[in-house]
Each structure stands twice: as C-alpha cells, then as structure tokens.
Amino acid sequence: MLLLCQGLTWTGLSLVIAQTAWASPTPEDYRQCHRKAATVLRHCLDEAPGARHGNQCWETSRQTQKACYLEMRKSLPSRSAGRRRDSPTQE
C-alpha cells in the first residue's frame, strides 16, 4: 500500500512538472518570431536601399515580433491565473 501511494505521488508530481514545462514557450518558439521580424525588416529595407524610411522598417519589424509573441502565447495551454509568463523584454 505504501509503495502504491508513493508511486501515485511521483506520478502526480511528474504530470504537474510536465504540464508546466509544456505550457512555457521554448527558445525555438521565440526564434521563429525573431526570424519573422528579421525577414520583415530585411524586406522593408531592401525595398529602397539608402532611403530614409529605416525607422518605419524597424517599427514594423518590432510590431511583427510582438504580434508573433502574442499569437505564440495564445496557442499555449493557459496557466493558472496567479502565474506570470516570462518572455524576453525587447520593447
């Protein structure tokens, strides 16, 4: 009986840990957003090399990155209300 209780405790603990890890964005999730933002920036700057619209390109790239982060977080299973989602701070 004691072994059964210990086994159930470890199984329950493992599920909680696995669910928490599964609900967190991975570095690869963030890299995909960074790639999208870099592609948008490169394309915008290549449209008119040497033009003075660089700030607009950077802003568009940042908006792309933020939108990707938001979409990524929405696609993850929700966490309990009291917990904070960690993310890189590039604002």
N, C-alpha and C. Protein backbone atom coordinates (compact mmCIF):
# COMPACT_ATOMS: atom_id res chain seq x y z
N MET A 1 0.83 -1.19 0.00
CA MET A 1 0.00 0.00 0.00
C MET A 1 0.87 1.25 0.00
N LEU A 2 1.92 1.25 0.81
CA LEU A 2 2.82 2.39 0.89
C LEU A 2 3.49 2.64 -0.46
N LEU A 3 3.93 1.56 -1.12
CA LEU A 3 4.56 1.72 -2.44
C LEU A 3 3.58 2.28 -3.46
N LEU A 4 2.33 1.87 -3.38
CA LEU A 4 1.32 2.38 -4.30
C LEU A 4 1.12 3.87 -4.10
N CYS A 5 1.05 4.32 -2.85
CA CYS A 5 0.89 5.75 -2.55
C CYS A 5 2.09 6.55 -3.03
N GLN A 6 3.29 6.03 -2.80
CA GLN A 6 4.50 6.72 -3.26
C GLN A 6 4.52 6.81 -4.79
N GLY A 7 4.13 5.74 -5.42
CA GLY A 7 4.09 5.73 -6.89
C GLY A 7 3.10 6.74 -7.44
N LEU A 8 1.93 6.81 -6.82
CA LEU A 8 0.91 7.78 -7.26
C LEU A 8 1.38 9.21 -7.01
N THR A 9 2.07 9.44 -5.91
CA THR A 9 2.59 10.78 -5.61
C THR A 9 3.60 11.20 -6.66
N TRP A 10 4.54 10.32 -7.00
CA TRP A 10 5.54 10.65 -8.01
C TRP A 10 4.91 10.83 -9.38
N THR A 11 3.91 10.03 -9.69
CA THR A 11 3.23 10.16 -10.98
C THR A 11 2.52 11.50 -11.06
N GLY A 12 1.81 11.87 -10.00
CA GLY A 12 1.11 13.15 -9.97
C GLY A 12 2.07 14.31 -10.07
N LEU A 13 3.18 14.24 -9.35
CA LEU A 13 4.20 15.29 -9.39
C LEU A 13 4.81 15.39 -10.77
N SER A 14 5.07 14.28 -11.40
CA SER A 14 5.63 14.28 -12.76
C SER A 14 4.68 14.93 -13.74
N LEU A 15 3.39 14.67 -13.61
CA LEU A 15 2.40 15.27 -14.50
C LEU A 15 2.34 16.78 -14.32
N VAL A 16 2.42 17.25 -13.08
CA VAL A 16 2.39 18.69 -12.83
C VAL A 16 3.62 19.35 -13.44
N ILE A 17 4.78 18.76 -13.25
CA ILE A 17 6.01 19.31 -13.81
C ILE A 17 5.96 19.28 -15.33
N ALA A 18 5.52 18.21 -15.91
CA ALA A 18 5.45 18.09 -17.37
C ALA A 18 4.48 19.11 -17.94
N GLN A 19 3.34 19.30 -17.29
CA GLN A 19 2.35 20.26 -17.79
C GLN A 19 2.90 21.68 -17.71
N THR A 20 3.61 22.01 -16.64
CA THR A 20 4.19 23.34 -16.50
C THR A 20 5.22 23.59 -17.59
N ALA A 21 6.07 22.62 -17.84
CA ALA A 21 7.09 22.78 -18.87
C ALA A 21 6.45 22.88 -20.25
N TRP A 22 5.38 22.13 -20.46
CA TRP A 22 4.72 22.12 -21.77
C TRP A 22 4.04 23.45 -22.05
N ALA A 23 3.60 24.15 -20.99
CA ALA A 23 2.87 25.39 -21.14
C ALA A 23 3.78 26.60 -21.31
N SER A 24 5.08 26.41 -21.28
CA SER A 24 6.01 27.53 -21.41
C SER A 24 6.56 27.60 -22.82
N PRO A 25 6.72 28.83 -23.34
CA PRO A 25 7.35 28.98 -24.66
C PRO A 25 8.79 28.46 -24.61
N THR A 26 9.22 27.87 -25.68
CA THR A 26 10.59 27.37 -25.75
C THR A 26 11.46 28.40 -26.47
N PRO A 27 12.77 28.30 -26.34
CA PRO A 27 13.64 29.21 -27.10
C PRO A 27 13.36 29.14 -28.60
N GLU A 28 13.03 27.97 -29.11
CA GLU A 28 12.74 27.84 -30.54
C GLU A 28 11.47 28.61 -30.92
N ASP A 29 10.49 28.66 -30.02
CA ASP A 29 9.29 29.46 -30.28
C ASP A 29 9.68 30.92 -30.48
N TYR A 30 10.55 31.43 -29.61
CA TYR A 30 10.99 32.81 -29.73
C TYR A 30 11.84 33.01 -30.99
N ARG A 31 12.67 32.04 -31.33
CA ARG A 31 13.50 32.16 -32.54
C ARG A 31 12.64 32.30 -33.79
N GLN A 32 11.53 31.57 -33.84
CA GLN A 32 10.65 31.68 -35.00
C GLN A 32 10.10 33.10 -35.13
N CYS A 33 9.76 33.71 -34.01
CA CYS A 33 9.28 35.10 -34.03
C CYS A 33 10.40 36.04 -34.45
N HIS A 34 11.61 35.79 -33.99
CA HIS A 34 12.75 36.63 -34.36
C HIS A 34 13.02 36.52 -35.86
N ARG A 35 12.90 35.30 -36.40
CA ARG A 35 13.12 35.11 -37.85
C ARG A 35 12.07 35.88 -38.65
N LYS A 36 10.83 35.83 -38.22
CA LYS A 36 9.77 36.56 -38.92
C LYS A 36 10.06 38.05 -38.92
N ALA A 37 10.43 38.58 -37.75
CA ALA A 37 10.71 40.00 -37.63
C ALA A 37 11.91 40.40 -38.49
N ALA A 38 12.94 39.57 -38.51
CA ALA A 38 14.14 39.85 -39.32
C ALA A 38 13.81 39.84 -40.81
N THR A 39 12.96 38.91 -41.21
CA THR A 39 12.56 38.84 -42.62
C THR A 39 11.79 40.09 -43.03
N VAL A 40 10.87 40.53 -42.17
CA VAL A 40 10.10 41.75 -42.45
C VAL A 40 11.04 42.95 -42.55
N LEU A 41 11.98 43.06 -41.62
CA LEU A 41 12.93 44.18 -41.63
C LEU A 41 13.79 44.16 -42.89
N ARG A 42 14.33 43.01 -43.22
CA ARG A 42 15.19 42.89 -44.41
C ARG A 42 14.42 43.26 -45.68
N HIS A 43 13.22 42.75 -45.81
CA HIS A 43 12.40 43.04 -46.99
C HIS A 43 12.10 44.54 -47.09
N CYS A 44 11.73 45.15 -45.96
CA CYS A 44 11.40 46.57 -45.95
C CYS A 44 12.62 47.41 -46.34
N LEU A 45 13.76 47.12 -45.75
CA LEU A 45 14.97 47.89 -46.06
C LEU A 45 15.43 47.67 -47.50
N ASP A 46 15.23 46.48 -48.03
CA ASP A 46 15.63 46.18 -49.40
C ASP A 46 14.72 46.84 -50.44
N GLU A 47 13.52 47.26 -50.03
CA GLU A 47 12.59 47.91 -50.96
C GLU A 47 13.20 49.18 -51.54
N ALA A 48 13.90 49.94 -50.72
CA ALA A 48 14.50 51.19 -51.19
C ALA A 48 15.82 51.41 -50.45
N PRO A 49 16.88 50.75 -50.91
CA PRO A 49 18.17 50.88 -50.23
C PRO A 49 18.61 52.35 -50.16
N GLY A 50 19.05 52.76 -48.98
CA GLY A 50 19.53 54.11 -48.79
C GLY A 50 18.45 55.13 -48.49
N ALA A 51 17.20 54.74 -48.58
CA ALA A 51 16.11 55.67 -48.29
C ALA A 51 16.05 55.95 -46.79
N ARG A 52 15.33 56.98 -46.44
CA ARG A 52 15.25 57.38 -45.02
C ARG A 52 14.00 56.83 -44.34
N HIS A 53 13.63 55.63 -44.64
CA HIS A 53 12.46 55.02 -44.00
C HIS A 53 12.86 53.91 -43.04
N GLY A 54 14.10 53.94 -42.59
CA GLY A 54 14.61 52.90 -41.69
C GLY A 54 13.85 52.78 -40.40
N ASN A 55 13.48 53.92 -39.78
CA ASN A 55 12.73 53.85 -38.51
C ASN A 55 11.39 53.15 -38.70
N GLN A 56 10.74 53.43 -39.82
CA GLN A 56 9.46 52.78 -40.10
C GLN A 56 9.67 51.27 -40.25
N CYS A 57 10.75 50.87 -40.90
CA CYS A 57 11.03 49.44 -41.07
C CYS A 57 11.27 48.77 -39.72
N TRP A 58 12.03 49.42 -38.85
CA TRP A 58 12.30 48.85 -37.53
C TRP A 58 11.01 48.72 -36.74
N GLU A 59 10.16 49.73 -36.81
CA GLU A 59 8.89 49.69 -36.07
C GLU A 59 8.00 48.56 -36.60
N THR A 60 7.93 48.42 -37.91
CA THR A 60 7.13 47.34 -38.50
C THR A 60 7.67 45.97 -38.05
N SER A 61 8.98 45.86 -38.01
CA SER A 61 9.61 44.61 -37.57
C SER A 61 9.28 44.32 -36.10
N ARG A 62 9.35 45.35 -35.26
CA ARG A 62 9.01 45.16 -33.83
C ARG A 62 7.55 44.76 -33.67
N GLN A 63 6.67 45.38 -34.44
CA GLN A 63 5.25 45.03 -34.36
C GLN A 63 5.02 43.58 -34.78
N THR A 64 5.75 43.15 -35.80
CA THR A 64 5.66 41.76 -36.24
C THR A 64 6.10 40.82 -35.13
N GLN A 65 7.21 41.16 -34.47
CA GLN A 65 7.72 40.33 -33.39
C GLN A 65 6.72 40.26 -32.24
N LYS A 66 6.18 41.41 -31.83
CA LYS A 66 5.22 41.44 -30.73
C LYS A 66 3.95 40.65 -31.07
N ALA A 67 3.48 40.79 -32.30
CA ALA A 67 2.29 40.04 -32.72
C ALA A 67 2.56 38.54 -32.70
N CYS A 68 3.76 38.15 -33.11
CA CYS A 68 4.14 36.74 -33.09
C CYS A 68 4.18 36.22 -31.66
N TYR A 69 4.76 37.00 -30.74
CA TYR A 69 4.80 36.61 -29.32
C TYR A 69 3.39 36.41 -28.80
N LEU A 70 2.51 37.35 -29.10
CA LEU A 70 1.13 37.27 -28.63
C LEU A 70 0.45 36.02 -29.17
N GLU A 71 0.60 35.78 -30.45
CA GLU A 71 0.00 34.60 -31.09
C GLU A 71 0.56 33.32 -30.48
N MET A 72 1.87 33.30 -30.23
CA MET A 72 2.51 32.12 -29.64
C MET A 72 1.93 31.85 -28.26
N ARG A 73 1.79 32.89 -27.45
CA ARG A 73 1.27 32.71 -26.09
C ARG A 73 -0.18 32.26 -26.11
N LYS A 74 -0.96 32.77 -27.05
CA LYS A 74 -2.36 32.36 -27.16
C LYS A 74 -2.48 30.89 -27.53
N SER A 75 -1.51 30.38 -28.27
CA SER A 75 -1.58 28.99 -28.72
C SER A 75 -1.16 28.00 -27.63
N LEU A 76 -0.56 28.50 -26.54
CA LEU A 76 -0.14 27.63 -25.44
C LEU A 76 -1.31 27.38 -24.50
N PRO A 77 -1.31 26.23 -23.83
CA PRO A 77 -2.35 25.98 -22.83
C PRO A 77 -2.29 27.06 -21.75
N SER A 78 -3.44 27.46 -21.25
CA SER A 78 -3.46 28.53 -20.25
C SER A 78 -2.87 28.03 -18.94
N ARG A 79 -2.27 28.97 -18.23
CA ARG A 79 -1.72 28.67 -16.91
C ARG A 79 -2.69 29.16 -15.86
N SER A 80 -2.41 28.83 -14.61
CA SER A 80 -3.25 29.33 -13.53
C SER A 80 -3.11 30.84 -13.46
N ALA A 81 -4.12 31.53 -13.00
CA ALA A 81 -4.21 32.99 -13.06
C ALA A 81 -3.08 33.70 -12.34
N GLY A 82 -2.57 33.16 -11.26
CA GLY A 82 -1.58 33.86 -10.46
C GLY A 82 -0.17 33.82 -11.00
N ARG A 83 0.10 33.03 -12.01
CA ARG A 83 1.46 32.88 -12.50
C ARG A 83 1.75 33.84 -13.62
N ARG A 84 2.97 34.30 -13.71
CA ARG A 84 3.42 35.27 -14.69
C ARG A 84 4.11 34.53 -15.83
N ARG A 85 3.87 34.97 -17.05
CA ARG A 85 4.56 34.38 -18.19
C ARG A 85 5.86 35.14 -18.41
N ASP A 86 6.95 34.39 -18.47
CA ASP A 86 8.25 35.02 -18.71
C ASP A 86 8.47 35.14 -20.22
N SER A 87 9.04 36.26 -20.60
CA SER A 87 9.37 36.46 -22.00
C SER A 87 10.52 37.44 -22.09
N PRO A 88 11.24 37.39 -23.19
CA PRO A 88 12.31 38.36 -23.36
C PRO A 88 11.71 39.76 -23.41
N THR A 89 12.40 40.71 -22.82
CA THR A 89 11.89 42.08 -22.82
C THR A 89 12.65 42.88 -23.86
N GLN A 90 12.08 42.97 -25.02
CA GLN A 90 12.68 43.74 -26.11
C GLN A 90 11.66 44.75 -26.59
N GLU A 91 11.33 45.67 -25.76
CA GLU A 91 10.31 46.66 -26.12
C GLU A 91 10.95 47.96 -26.47
